[in-house]
N, C-alpha and C. Protein backbone atom coordinates (compact mmCIF):
# COMPACT_ATOMS: atom_id res chain seq x y z
N MET A 1 10.55 -17.34 -18.84
CA MET A 1 10.13 -16.36 -17.83
C MET A 1 10.30 -16.95 -16.43
N PRO A 2 10.87 -16.19 -15.52
CA PRO A 2 11.02 -16.70 -14.15
C PRO A 2 9.67 -16.75 -13.43
N ILE A 3 9.52 -17.72 -12.57
CA ILE A 3 8.28 -17.82 -11.79
C ILE A 3 8.31 -16.75 -10.70
N ARG A 4 7.22 -16.05 -10.58
CA ARG A 4 7.16 -14.98 -9.57
C ARG A 4 7.15 -15.57 -8.17
N ASP A 5 7.82 -14.88 -7.27
CA ASP A 5 7.88 -15.34 -5.88
C ASP A 5 6.63 -14.83 -5.16
N PRO A 6 5.75 -15.74 -4.72
CA PRO A 6 4.49 -15.31 -4.07
C PRO A 6 4.74 -14.43 -2.84
N SER A 7 5.78 -14.77 -2.05
CA SER A 7 6.04 -13.99 -0.84
C SER A 7 6.46 -12.57 -1.22
N LYS A 8 7.19 -12.44 -2.34
CA LYS A 8 7.62 -11.10 -2.78
C LYS A 8 6.40 -10.30 -3.22
N LEU A 9 5.51 -10.95 -3.96
CA LEU A 9 4.30 -10.27 -4.42
C LEU A 9 3.45 -9.85 -3.23
N GLU A 10 3.34 -10.74 -2.25
CA GLU A 10 2.55 -10.42 -1.06
C GLU A 10 3.14 -9.22 -0.32
N LYS A 11 4.48 -9.18 -0.26
CA LYS A 11 5.15 -8.06 0.41
C LYS A 11 4.87 -6.76 -0.34
N ASN A 12 4.92 -6.80 -1.67
CA ASN A 12 4.65 -5.61 -2.47
C ASN A 12 3.22 -5.14 -2.26
N LEU A 13 2.27 -6.08 -2.20
CA LEU A 13 0.87 -5.71 -1.99
C LEU A 13 0.70 -5.07 -0.62
N ARG A 14 1.40 -5.63 0.38
CA ARG A 14 1.27 -5.07 1.73
C ARG A 14 1.83 -3.66 1.78
N GLU A 15 2.98 -3.45 1.11
CA GLU A 15 3.57 -2.10 1.10
C GLU A 15 2.65 -1.12 0.38
N ALA A 16 2.06 -1.56 -0.73
CA ALA A 16 1.15 -0.69 -1.47
C ALA A 16 -0.06 -0.36 -0.60
N HIS A 17 -0.57 -1.36 0.14
CA HIS A 17 -1.72 -1.14 1.01
C HIS A 17 -1.38 -0.12 2.09
N ASN A 18 -0.16 -0.22 2.64
CA ASN A 18 0.27 0.72 3.68
C ASN A 18 0.36 2.13 3.10
N LEU A 19 0.90 2.27 1.89
CA LEU A 19 1.01 3.59 1.26
C LEU A 19 -0.38 4.17 1.02
N ILE A 20 -1.31 3.34 0.54
CA ILE A 20 -2.67 3.81 0.29
C ILE A 20 -3.31 4.24 1.62
N GLY A 21 -3.08 3.46 2.67
CA GLY A 21 -3.64 3.80 3.98
C GLY A 21 -3.12 5.14 4.48
N GLU A 22 -1.81 5.37 4.33
CA GLU A 22 -1.24 6.65 4.76
C GLU A 22 -1.81 7.79 3.94
N PHE A 23 -1.98 7.55 2.63
CA PHE A 23 -2.52 8.58 1.74
C PHE A 23 -3.95 8.93 2.14
N LEU A 24 -4.75 7.90 2.44
CA LEU A 24 -6.13 8.15 2.85
C LEU A 24 -6.17 8.89 4.19
N ASP A 25 -5.23 8.56 5.09
CA ASP A 25 -5.17 9.27 6.37
C ASP A 25 -4.88 10.75 6.13
N LEU A 26 -3.94 11.04 5.23
CA LEU A 26 -3.61 12.44 4.92
C LEU A 26 -4.82 13.15 4.34
N ILE A 27 -5.55 12.47 3.45
CA ILE A 27 -6.74 13.09 2.85
C ILE A 27 -7.78 13.35 3.94
N GLY A 28 -7.95 12.37 4.84
CA GLY A 28 -8.92 12.52 5.92
C GLY A 28 -8.58 13.71 6.81
N ILE A 29 -7.31 13.87 7.14
CA ILE A 29 -6.88 15.00 7.97
C ILE A 29 -7.14 16.30 7.22
N TYR A 30 -6.81 16.31 5.91
CA TYR A 30 -7.00 17.51 5.11
C TYR A 30 -8.47 17.90 5.05
N ILE A 31 -9.35 16.90 4.95
CA ILE A 31 -10.79 17.18 4.88
C ILE A 31 -11.28 17.73 6.22
N TRP A 32 -10.76 17.17 7.33
CA TRP A 32 -11.25 17.59 8.64
C TRP A 32 -10.79 19.00 9.00
N ILE A 33 -9.64 19.41 8.47
CA ILE A 33 -9.14 20.75 8.81
C ILE A 33 -10.01 21.81 8.13
């Protein structure tokens, strides 16, 4: 098994966090309307 690249994993986590943040922003806007 290849060793996972920590920087790649960190990048994936950051992208996932950004997607979750955008999703929560959309939900927040939807709730406020």
